[in-house]
Amino acid sequence: MRFITYRTAEGEGVGIAADGGYRGRPVQVLGRDLKGALHDGQALAALGRELAGAPLLDMDDIELLAPIPRPDKIICVGLNYADHSAESGFEVPTYPTVFARFASSLVGHGAAMVRPAASDLFDYEGELVAVIGKGGRHIGRAQALDHVAGYSLFNDGSVRDFQIRTPQWTMGKAFDGTGAFGPELVTPDELPEGCKGLTLTVRLNGEVMQCASTDDLIFGIADLVATLSEAMTLAPGDVIVTGTPGGVGAMRKPPVWLKPGDICTVEMDRIGTLSNPVRQEAVPV
């Protein structure tokens, strides 16, 4: 199954891919949003059956949102591809490098990523996302994938000068409107176990900037779920952003920065395409 979250003039809704488009209903009719259906696989399957009989959506009338617009936690993993660690001047980590994002930073497929007024050093990072379904703490690695409700894509737009001002990266990763997420939540039954063997490609204005296999992840999905749950209770709808490969703009010679009018696209076979324009932040005078 492939789910979307969308917005119309009447409010938010949830849709499912069907018949070459999406069938959907408003959240107020369903009585729950997508996050509310992630507590177990049966609830998500029931939502899928309910939406299968919903009306087809007119895509011209809806705005796609992040599949989970308001996750309790957005947990990001840095330096999770060896080539990106090397280009960034770090040794290959032996433990995941973790930082946080916040829901105010999220935009959906097709929405503009916002280059902030405070900096011109705005960079792209294409990444695979795992979304938690069944929550828990102290999750064993053997059971970890059972806690994943689905997968999606992310563009971890990074404000590099703010990122490196302190040893902690969160400030450079938390600007409003800088993290693109979507377009769909794809359930694990449609994908290889743990999303192994899939190719991640990032294009900027049509030019390939990043390309890597998920086999190159230093810490795979099961590793990340198990490790993170040692410290925190993972809840339904929590988002794990798994890291970017080499080829980011900051490390190119000369550097390549996102600018207004650019189109940045993150693709992964069997998951889909996340595409976003870039606009400049408008600051009130």
C-alpha atoms as a PDB file:
ATOM      1  CA  MET A   1       0.000   0.000   0.000  1.00  0.00           C
ATOM      2  CA  ARG A   2       1.000   3.567  -0.688  1.00  0.00           C
ATOM      3  CA  PHE A   3      -0.510   6.311   1.452  1.00  0.00           C
ATOM      4  CA  ILE A   4      -0.462  10.097   1.168  1.00  0.00           C
ATOM      5  CA  THR A   5      -1.538  12.907   3.443  1.00  0.00           C
ATOM      6  CA  TYR A   6      -3.059  15.886   1.680  1.00  0.00           C
ATOM      7  CA  ARG A   7      -4.846  19.156   2.332  1.00  0.00           C
ATOM      8  CA  THR A   8      -7.830  20.816   0.680  1.00  0.00           C
ATOM      9  CA  ALA A   9      -9.917  23.838   1.603  1.00  0.00           C
ATOM     10  CA  GLU A  10     -11.858  21.496   3.902  1.00  0.00           C
ATOM     11  CA  GLY A  11      -8.762  20.370   5.815  1.00  0.00           C
ATOM     12  CA  GLU A  12      -6.444  17.362   5.874  1.00  0.00           C
ATOM     13  CA  GLY A  13      -7.167  14.011   4.321  1.00  0.00           C
ATOM     14  CA  VAL A  14      -5.547  10.620   3.790  1.00  0.00           C
ATOM     15  CA  GLY A  15      -5.328   8.856   0.441  1.00  0.00           C
ATOM     16  CA  ILE A  16      -4.202   5.538  -0.982  1.00  0.00           C
ATOM     17  CA  ALA A  17      -2.691   4.914  -4.413  1.00  0.00           C
ATOM     18  CA  ALA A  18      -5.281   3.297  -6.676  1.00  0.00           C
ATOM     19  CA  ASP A  19      -6.368   3.288 -10.322  1.00  0.00           C
ATOM     20  CA  GLY A  20      -3.494   5.469 -11.487  1.00  0.00           C
ATOM     21  CA  GLY A  21      -4.191   8.134  -8.875  1.00  0.00           C
ATOM     22  CA  TYR A  22      -5.317   8.308  -5.273  1.00  0.00           C
ATOM     23  CA  ARG A  23      -8.562   7.596  -3.463  1.00  0.00           C
ATOM     24  CA  GLY A  24      -9.030   9.601  -0.286  1.00  0.00           C
ATOM     25  CA  ARG A  25     -11.260  10.885   2.464  1.00  0.00           C
ATOM     26  CA  PRO A  26     -11.011  13.804   4.901  1.00  0.00           C
ATOM     27  CA  VAL A  27      -9.540  13.037   8.301  1.00  0.00           C
ATOM     28  CA  GLN A  28     -12.745  14.279   9.935  1.00  0.00           C
ATOM     29  CA  VAL A  29     -14.664  11.570   8.051  1.00  0.00           C
ATOM     30  CA  LEU A  30     -12.120   8.831   8.710  1.00  0.00           C
ATOM     31  CA  GLY A  31     -11.869   9.704  12.385  1.00  0.00           C
ATOM     32  CA  ARG A  32      -8.056   9.350  12.322  1.00  0.00           C
ATOM     33  CA  ASP A  33      -5.083  10.578  10.355  1.00  0.00           C
ATOM     34  CA  LEU A  34      -2.315   8.369   8.966  1.00  0.00           C
ATOM     35  CA  LYS A  35      -0.254   8.643  12.127  1.00  0.00           C
ATOM     36  CA  GLY A  36      -3.284   7.514  14.141  1.00  0.00           C
ATOM     37  CA  ALA A  37      -3.491   4.324  12.066  1.00  0.00           C
ATOM     38  CA  LEU A  38       0.119   3.276  12.619  1.00  0.00           C
ATOM     39  CA  HIS A  39      -0.267   1.609  15.996  1.00  0.00           C
ATOM     40  CA  ASP A  40      -0.328  -1.829  14.406  1.00  0.00           C
ATOM     41  CA  GLY A  41      -0.397  -3.424  10.975  1.00  0.00           C
ATOM     42  CA  GLN A  42      -4.029  -4.409  11.277  1.00  0.00           C
ATOM     43  CA  ALA A  43      -5.126  -0.793  11.814  1.00  0.00           C
ATOM     44  CA  LEU A  44      -3.126   0.348   8.784  1.00  0.00           C
ATOM     45  CA  ALA A  45      -4.562  -2.458   6.681  1.00  0.00           C
ATOM     46  CA  ALA A  46      -8.071  -1.510   7.822  1.00  0.00           C
ATOM     47  CA  LEU A  47      -7.431   2.081   6.769  1.00  0.00           C
ATOM     48  CA  GLY A  48      -6.280   0.820   3.385  1.00  0.00           C
ATOM     49  CA  ARG A  49      -9.479  -1.183   2.914  1.00  0.00           C
ATOM     50  CA  GLU A  50     -11.588   1.807   3.904  1.00  0.00           C
ATOM     51  CA  LEU A  51      -9.798   4.116   1.490  1.00  0.00           C
ATOM     52  CA  ALA A  52     -10.030   1.606  -1.365  1.00  0.00           C
ATOM     53  CA  GLY A  53     -13.715   2.502  -1.622  1.00  0.00           C
ATOM     54  CA  ALA A  54     -13.196   6.272  -1.330  1.00  0.00           C
ATOM     55  CA  PRO A  55     -13.661   8.718  -4.229  1.00  0.00           C
ATOM     56  CA  LEU A  56     -10.789   9.398  -6.605  1.00  0.00           C
ATOM     57  CA  LEU A  57      -9.012  12.634  -5.730  1.00  0.00           C
ATOM     58  CA  ASP A  58      -8.573  15.469  -8.190  1.00  0.00           C
ATOM     59  CA  MET A  59      -4.862  16.172  -7.887  1.00  0.00           C
ATOM     60  CA  ASP A  60      -5.400  19.759  -9.013  1.00  0.00           C
ATOM     61  CA  ASP A  61      -7.504  20.344  -5.902  1.00  0.00           C
ATOM     62  CA  ILE A  62      -5.130  18.971  -3.276  1.00  0.00           C
ATOM     63  CA  GLU A  63      -1.828  19.965  -1.697  1.00  0.00           C
ATOM     64  CA  LEU A  64       0.433  17.073  -0.764  1.00  0.00           C
ATOM     65  CA  LEU A  65       1.780  17.238   2.774  1.00  0.00           C
ATOM     66  CA  ALA A  66       4.487  15.224   4.457  1.00  0.00           C
ATOM     67  CA  PRO A  67       3.019  11.712   4.925  1.00  0.00           C
ATOM     68  CA  ILE A  68       3.295  12.240   8.697  1.00  0.00           C
ATOM     69  CA  PRO A  69       2.960  16.038   9.030  1.00  0.00           C
ATOM     70  CA  ARG A  70       3.446  16.213  12.801  1.00  0.00           C
ATOM     71  CA  PRO A  71       5.651  13.344  13.996  1.00  0.00           C
ATOM     72  CA  ASP A  72       6.528  13.222  17.673  1.00  0.00           C
ATOM     73  CA  LYS A  73      10.177  12.703  16.752  1.00  0.00           C
ATOM     74  CA  ILE A  74      12.250  13.295  13.614  1.00  0.00           C
ATOM     75  CA  ILE A  75      15.500  11.455  14.278  1.00  0.00           C
ATOM     76  CA  CYS A  76      18.235  12.074  11.730  1.00  0.00           C
ATOM     77  CA  VAL A  77      21.396  10.056  11.222  1.00  0.00           C
ATOM     78  CA  GLY A  78      24.538  11.730   9.912  1.00  0.00           C
ATOM     79  CA  LEU A  79      27.615  10.254   8.238  1.00  0.00           C
ATOM     80  CA  ASN A  80      25.837   6.966   7.475  1.00  0.00           C
ATOM     81  CA  TYR A  81      27.549   6.417   4.106  1.00  0.00           C
ATOM     82  CA  ALA A  82      31.322   5.951   4.087  1.00  0.00           C
ATOM     83  CA  ASP A  83      31.836   8.227   1.069  1.00  0.00           C
ATOM     84  CA  HIS A  84      29.966  11.089   2.748  1.00  0.00           C
ATOM     85  CA  SER A  85      31.974  10.596   5.947  1.00  0.00           C
ATOM     86  CA  ALA A  86      35.163  10.775   3.921  1.00  0.00           C
ATOM     87  CA  GLU A  87      34.196  13.864   1.918  1.00  0.00           C
ATOM     88  CA  SER A  88      33.198  15.590   5.174  1.00  0.00           C
ATOM     89  CA  GLY A  89      36.559  14.866   6.801  1.00  0.00           C
ATOM     90  CA  PHE A  90      35.317  12.281   9.325  1.00  0.00           C
ATOM     91  CA  GLU A  91      36.326   8.709   9.973  1.00  0.00           C
ATOM     92  CA  VAL A  92      33.704   6.046   9.352  1.00  0.00           C
ATOM     93  CA  PRO A  93      31.588   6.056  12.541  1.00  0.00           C
ATOM     94  CA  THR A  94      31.317   3.030  14.773  1.00  0.00           C
ATOM     95  CA  TYR A  95      28.104   4.343  16.370  1.00  0.00           C
ATOM     96  CA  PRO A  96      25.299   6.300  14.674  1.00  0.00           C
ATOM     97  CA  THR A  97      25.640  10.091  14.638  1.00  0.00           C
ATOM     98  CA  VAL A  98      22.213  11.326  15.713  1.00  0.00           C
ATOM     99  CA  PHE A  99      20.598  14.751  15.602  1.00  0.00           C
ATOM    100  CA  ALA A 100      17.028  16.047  15.594  1.00  0.00           C
ATOM    101  CA  ARG A 101      14.689  17.898  13.299  1.00  0.00           C
ATOM    102  CA  PHE A 102      11.297  19.368  14.143  1.00  0.00           C
ATOM    103  CA  ALA A 103       7.899  19.279  12.467  1.00  0.00           C
ATOM    104  CA  SER A 104       8.055  22.998  11.617  1.00  0.00           C
ATOM    105  CA  SER A 105      10.883  22.184   9.186  1.00  0.00           C
ATOM    106  CA  LEU A 106       8.776  19.810   7.056  1.00  0.00           C
ATOM    107  CA  VAL A 107       7.292  20.415   3.616  1.00  0.00           C
ATOM    108  CA  GLY A 108       5.620  17.945   1.284  1.00  0.00           C
ATOM    109  CA  HIS A 109       6.248  16.859  -2.281  1.00  0.00           C
ATOM    110  CA  GLY A 110       5.915  19.770  -4.690  1.00  0.00           C
ATOM    111  CA  ALA A 111       6.110  22.432  -1.991  1.00  0.00           C
ATOM    112  CA  ALA A 112       8.992  24.881  -1.967  1.00  0.00           C
ATOM    113  CA  MET A 113      12.019  24.268   0.202  1.00  0.00           C
ATOM    114  CA  VAL A 114      12.857  27.622   1.759  1.00  0.00           C
ATOM    115  CA  ARG A 115      16.327  29.114   1.494  1.00  0.00           C
ATOM    116  CA  PRO A 116      16.494  31.188   4.680  1.00  0.00           C
ATOM    117  CA  ALA A 117      17.191  34.895   4.710  1.00  0.00           C
ATOM    118  CA  ALA A 118      20.000  34.270   7.204  1.00  0.00           C
ATOM    119  CA  SER A 119      22.235  32.293   4.817  1.00  0.00           C
ATOM    120  CA  ASP A 120      23.003  31.531   1.169  1.00  0.00           C
ATOM    121  CA  LEU A 121      24.741  28.250   2.076  1.00  0.00           C
ATOM    122  CA  PHE A 122      21.706  26.008   1.588  1.00  0.00           C
ATOM    123  CA  ASP A 123      22.513  22.406   0.657  1.00  0.00           C
ATOM    124  CA  TYR A 124      20.642  19.253  -0.418  1.00  0.00           C
ATOM    125  CA  GLU A 125      20.858  15.769   1.112  1.00  0.00           C
ATOM    126  CA  GLY A 126      18.767  12.951  -0.342  1.00  0.00           C
ATOM    127  CA  GLU A 127      17.830  10.255   2.162  1.00  0.00           C
ATOM    128  CA  LEU A 128      15.698   7.198   2.823  1.00  0.00           C
ATOM    129  CA  VAL A 129      13.142   7.456   5.648  1.00  0.00           C
ATOM    130  CA  ALA A 130      11.777   4.709   7.886  1.00  0.00           C
ATOM    131  CA  VAL A 131       8.523   5.457   9.735  1.00  0.00           C
ATOM    132  CA  ILE A 132       7.778   3.638  12.970  1.00  0.00           C
ATOM    133  CA  GLY A 133       4.503   1.761  13.245  1.00  0.00           C
ATOM    134  CA  LYS A 134       4.571  -0.358  16.381  1.00  0.00           C
ATOM    135  CA  GLY A 135       6.301   1.616  19.113  1.00  0.00           C
ATOM    136  CA  GLY A 136       8.576   0.282  21.779  1.00  0.00           C
ATOM    137  CA  ARG A 137      11.753   0.475  23.809  1.00  0.00           C
ATOM    138  CA  HIS A 138      14.714  -1.924  23.905  1.00  0.00           C
ATOM    139  CA  ILE A 139      13.736  -3.394  20.553  1.00  0.00           C
ATOM    140  CA  GLY A 140      15.957  -6.276  19.495  1.00  0.00           C
ATOM    141  CA  ARG A 141      17.615  -6.141  16.094  1.00  0.00           C
ATOM    142  CA  ALA A 142      15.855  -9.347  15.021  1.00  0.00           C
ATOM    143  CA  GLN A 143      12.475  -7.756  15.693  1.00  0.00           C
ATOM    144  CA  ALA A 144      13.326  -4.217  14.588  1.00  0.00           C
ATOM    145  CA  LEU A 145      11.873  -4.326  11.074  1.00  0.00           C
ATOM    146  CA  ASP A 146       8.539  -5.486  12.517  1.00  0.00           C
ATOM    147  CA  HIS A 147       8.313  -2.019  14.092  1.00  0.00           C
ATOM    148  CA  VAL A 148       8.556  -0.201  10.739  1.00  0.00           C
ATOM    149  CA  ALA A 149       5.229   0.778   9.171  1.00  0.00           C
ATOM    150  CA  GLY A 150       6.694   2.025   5.925  1.00  0.00           C
ATOM    151  CA  TYR A 151       9.306   3.968   4.022  1.00  0.00           C
ATOM    152  CA  SER A 152       9.540   7.308   2.265  1.00  0.00           C
ATOM    153  CA  LEU A 153      12.053   9.872   0.986  1.00  0.00           C
ATOM    154  CA  PHE A 154      13.604  12.990   2.496  1.00  0.00           C
ATOM    155  CA  ASN A 155      15.634  15.974   1.363  1.00  0.00           C
ATOM    156  CA  ASP A 156      17.514  17.099   4.451  1.00  0.00           C
ATOM    157  CA  GLY A 157      18.030  20.720   3.390  1.00  0.00           C
ATOM    158  CA  SER A 158      20.975  21.945   5.426  1.00  0.00           C
ATOM    159  CA  VAL A 159      22.063  25.486   6.249  1.00  0.00           C
ATOM    160  CA  ARG A 160      25.755  24.724   6.349  1.00  0.00           C
ATOM    161  CA  ASP A 161      27.218  27.790   8.059  1.00  0.00           C
ATOM    162  CA  PHE A 162      24.711  27.446  10.909  1.00  0.00           C
ATOM    163  CA  GLN A 163      25.355  23.697  11.045  1.00  0.00           C
ATOM    164  CA  ILE A 164      29.074  24.129  11.715  1.00  0.00           C
ATOM    165  CA  ARG A 165      28.880  27.054  14.139  1.00  0.00           C
ATOM    166  CA  THR A 166      28.700  24.620  17.043  1.00  0.00           C
ATOM    167  CA  PRO A 167      29.628  20.947  17.595  1.00  0.00           C
ATOM    168  CA  GLN A 168      25.894  20.140  17.529  1.00  0.00           C
ATOM    169  CA  TRP A 169      24.283  20.248  14.063  1.00  0.00           C
ATOM    170  CA  THR A 170      20.652  20.835  15.012  1.00  0.00           C
ATOM    171  CA  MET A 171      20.525  24.591  14.319  1.00  0.00           C
ATOM    172  CA  GLY A 172      21.575  24.107  10.708  1.00  0.00           C
ATOM    173  CA  LYS A 173      18.980  21.388  10.248  1.00  0.00           C
ATOM    174  CA  ALA A 174      15.970  22.999  11.926  1.00  0.00           C
ATOM    175  CA  PHE A 175      15.125  26.059   9.807  1.00  0.00           C
ATOM    176  CA  ASP A 176      11.453  26.238   8.879  1.00  0.00           C
ATOM    177  CA  GLY A 177      10.546  24.726   5.535  1.00  0.00           C
ATOM    178  CA  THR A 178      13.924  23.141   4.806  1.00  0.00           C
ATOM    179  CA  GLY A 179      13.101  19.416   5.079  1.00  0.00           C
ATOM    180  CA  ALA A 180      11.129  17.871   2.210  1.00  0.00           C
ATOM    181  CA  PHE A 181       9.395  14.577   3.080  1.00  0.00           C
ATOM    182  CA  GLY A 182       7.271  12.308   0.884  1.00  0.00           C
ATOM    183  CA  PRO A 183       5.450  11.889  -1.332  1.00  0.00           C
ATOM    184  CA  GLU A 184       4.113   8.527  -0.104  1.00  0.00           C
ATOM    185  CA  LEU A 185       4.404   6.175   2.844  1.00  0.00           C
ATOM    186  CA  VAL A 186       5.141   2.834   1.169  1.00  0.00           C
ATOM    187  CA  THR A 187       4.435  -0.259   3.247  1.00  0.00           C
ATOM    188  CA  PRO A 188       7.196  -2.860   3.656  1.00  0.00           C
ATOM    189  CA  ASP A 189       5.369  -5.562   1.682  1.00  0.00           C
ATOM    190  CA  GLU A 190       6.055  -3.590  -1.516  1.00  0.00           C
ATOM    191  CA  LEU A 191       9.805  -3.371  -0.892  1.00  0.00           C
ATOM    192  CA  PRO A 192      12.852  -5.561  -0.197  1.00  0.00           C
ATOM    193  CA  GLU A 193      13.418  -6.356   3.469  1.00  0.00           C
ATOM    194  CA  GLY A 194      14.882  -3.278   5.137  1.00  0.00           C
ATOM    195  CA  CYS A 195      14.967  -1.542   1.723  1.00  0.00           C
ATOM    196  CA  LYS A 196      18.189  -3.337   0.856  1.00  0.00           C
ATOM    197  CA  GLY A 197      19.564  -3.002  -2.658  1.00  0.00           C
ATOM    198  CA  LEU A 198      17.665   0.121  -3.708  1.00  0.00           C
ATOM    199  CA  THR A 199      19.297   3.029  -5.528  1.00  0.00           C
ATOM    200  CA  LEU A 200      19.034   6.580  -4.189  1.00  0.00           C
ATOM    201  CA  THR A 201      19.540   9.354  -6.758  1.00  0.00           C
ATOM    202  CA  VAL A 202      19.472  13.117  -6.251  1.00  0.00           C
ATOM    203  CA  ARG A 203      19.159  15.463  -9.214  1.00  0.00           C
ATOM    204  CA  LEU A 204      19.539  19.235  -9.160  1.00  0.00           C
ATOM    205  CA  ASN A 205      17.925  20.858 -12.191  1.00  0.00           C
ATOM    206  CA  GLY A 206      18.198  17.476 -13.923  1.00  0.00           C
ATOM    207  CA  GLU A 207      21.885  16.878 -13.157  1.00  0.00           C
ATOM    208  CA  VAL A 208      22.777  13.853 -11.024  1.00  0.00           C
ATOM    209  CA  MET A 209      24.461  15.028  -7.815  1.00  0.00           C
ATOM    210  CA  GLN A 210      24.215  11.934  -5.586  1.00  0.00           C
ATOM    211  CA  CYS A 211      23.779   8.258  -6.428  1.00  0.00           C
ATOM    212  CA  ALA A 212      24.253   5.310  -4.077  1.00  0.00           C
ATOM    213  CA  SER A 213      22.789   1.978  -3.045  1.00  0.00           C
ATOM    214  CA  THR A 214      21.134   1.443   0.322  1.00  0.00           C
ATOM    215  CA  ASP A 215      23.521  -1.508   0.610  1.00  0.00           C
ATOM    216  CA  ASP A 216      26.147   1.155   1.344  1.00  0.00           C
ATOM    217  CA  LEU A 217      24.439   2.299   4.552  1.00  0.00           C
ATOM    218  CA  ILE A 218      26.838   1.839   7.454  1.00  0.00           C
ATOM    219  CA  PHE A 219      23.941   1.287   9.862  1.00  0.00           C
ATOM    220  CA  GLY A 220      20.917  -0.324   8.238  1.00  0.00           C
ATOM    221  CA  ILE A 221      17.291   0.147   9.211  1.00  0.00           C
ATOM    222  CA  ALA A 222      17.243  -2.673  11.768  1.00  0.00           C
ATOM    223  CA  ASP A 223      20.466  -1.410  13.345  1.00  0.00           C
ATOM    224  CA  LEU A 224      19.057   2.101  13.671  1.00  0.00           C
ATOM    225  CA  VAL A 225      15.720   1.047  15.170  1.00  0.00           C
ATOM    226  CA  ALA A 226      17.423  -1.201  17.716  1.00  0.00           C
ATOM    227  CA  THR A 227      20.099   1.350  18.646  1.00  0.00           C
ATOM    228  CA  LEU A 228      17.740   4.313  18.955  1.00  0.00           C
ATOM    229  CA  SER A 229      15.321   2.315  21.104  1.00  0.00           C
ATOM    230  CA  GLU A 230      18.079   1.708  23.629  1.00  0.00           C
ATOM    231  CA  ALA A 231      17.755   5.370  24.566  1.00  0.00           C
ATOM    232  CA  MET A 232      14.187   6.381  23.768  1.00  0.00           C
ATOM    233  CA  THR A 233      10.736   4.938  23.359  1.00  0.00           C
ATOM    234  CA  LEU A 234       9.920   4.956  19.663  1.00  0.00           C
ATOM    235  CA  ALA A 235       6.312   5.930  19.008  1.00  0.00           C
ATOM    236  CA  PRO A 236       3.993   5.349  16.039  1.00  0.00           C
ATOM    237  CA  GLY A 237       4.720   7.956  13.402  1.00  0.00           C
ATOM    238  CA  ASP A 238       8.279   8.666  14.535  1.00  0.00           C
ATOM    239  CA  VAL A 239      10.482   9.365  11.526  1.00  0.00           C
ATOM    240  CA  ILE A 240      14.030   8.037  11.132  1.00  0.00           C
ATOM    241  CA  VAL A 241      15.983   9.859   8.414  1.00  0.00           C
ATOM    242  CA  THR A 242      18.774   7.445   7.609  1.00  0.00           C
ATOM    243  CA  GLY A 243      21.610   9.552   6.159  1.00  0.00           C
ATOM    244  CA  THR A 244      22.919  10.839   2.841  1.00  0.00           C
ATOM    245  CA  PRO A 245      25.636   9.553   0.492  1.00  0.00           C
ATOM    246  CA  GLY A 246      28.549  11.514  -0.919  1.00  0.00           C
ATOM    247  CA  GLY A 247      28.095  14.315  -3.417  1.00  0.00           C
ATOM    248  CA  VAL A 248      26.570  17.053  -1.264  1.00  0.00           C
ATOM    249  CA  GLY A 249      26.941  20.593  -2.558  1.00  0.00           C
ATOM    250  CA  ALA A 250      29.190  21.862   0.230  1.00  0.00           C
ATOM    251  CA  MET A 251      31.932  19.381  -0.656  1.00  0.00           C
ATOM    252  CA  ARG A 252      32.025  20.070  -4.388  1.00  0.00           C
ATOM    253  CA  LYS A 253      34.709  22.228  -5.949  1.00  0.00           C
ATOM    254  CA  PRO A 254      33.408  24.822  -6.345  1.00  0.00           C
ATOM    255  CA  PRO A 255      30.530  24.354  -3.870  1.00  0.00           C
ATOM    256  CA  VAL A 256      27.010  24.047  -5.260  1.00  0.00           C
ATOM    257  CA  TRP A 257      24.312  25.765  -3.201  1.00  0.00           C
ATOM    258  CA  LEU A 258      20.549  25.602  -3.627  1.00  0.00           C
ATOM    259  CA  LYS A 259      19.168  28.879  -4.951  1.00  0.00           C
ATOM    260  CA  PRO A 260      15.691  30.220  -5.705  1.00  0.00           C
ATOM    261  CA  GLY A 261      14.245  28.661  -8.845  1.00  0.00           C
ATOM    262  CA  ASP A 262      16.174  25.387  -8.524  1.00  0.00           C
ATOM    263  CA  ILE A 263      14.365  22.042  -8.662  1.00  0.00           C
ATOM    264  CA  CYS A 264      15.817  19.332  -6.442  1.00  0.00           C
ATOM    265  CA  THR A 265      14.604  15.751  -6.861  1.00  0.00           C
ATOM    266  CA  VAL A 266      15.203  12.698  -4.671  1.00  0.00           C
ATOM    267  CA  GLU A 267      14.411   9.361  -6.284  1.00  0.00           C
ATOM    268  CA  MET A 268      14.536   5.768  -5.139  1.00  0.00           C
ATOM    269  CA  ASP A 269      13.476   2.788  -7.218  1.00  0.00           C
ATOM    270  CA  ARG A 270      10.277   1.154  -5.925  1.00  0.00           C
ATOM    271  CA  ILE A 271       9.627   4.040  -3.523  1.00  0.00           C
ATOM    272  CA  GLY A 272       9.103   7.009  -5.810  1.00  0.00           C
ATOM    273  CA  THR A 273      10.178  10.573  -6.494  1.00  0.00           C
ATOM    274  CA  LEU A 274      10.232  13.564  -4.156  1.00  0.00           C
ATOM    275  CA  SER A 275      10.604  16.821  -6.070  1.00  0.00           C
ATOM    276  CA  ASN A 276      10.707  20.350  -4.697  1.00  0.00           C
ATOM    277  CA  PRO A 277      11.443  23.831  -6.005  1.00  0.00           C
ATOM    278  CA  VAL A 278      13.522  26.237  -3.949  1.00  0.00           C
ATOM    279  CA  ARG A 279      12.326  29.698  -2.973  1.00  0.00           C
ATOM    280  CA  GLN A 280      13.796  32.526  -0.984  1.00  0.00           C
ATOM    281  CA  GLU A 281      12.403  33.263   2.459  1.00  0.00           C
ATOM    282  CA  ALA A 282      10.312  36.409   2.467  1.00  0.00           C
ATOM    283  CA  VAL A 283      11.123  38.507   5.503  1.00  0.00           C
ATOM    284  CA  PRO A 284       8.604  41.152   6.595  1.00  0.00           C
ATOM    285  CA  VAL A 285       9.978  44.672   6.306  1.00  0.00           C
END
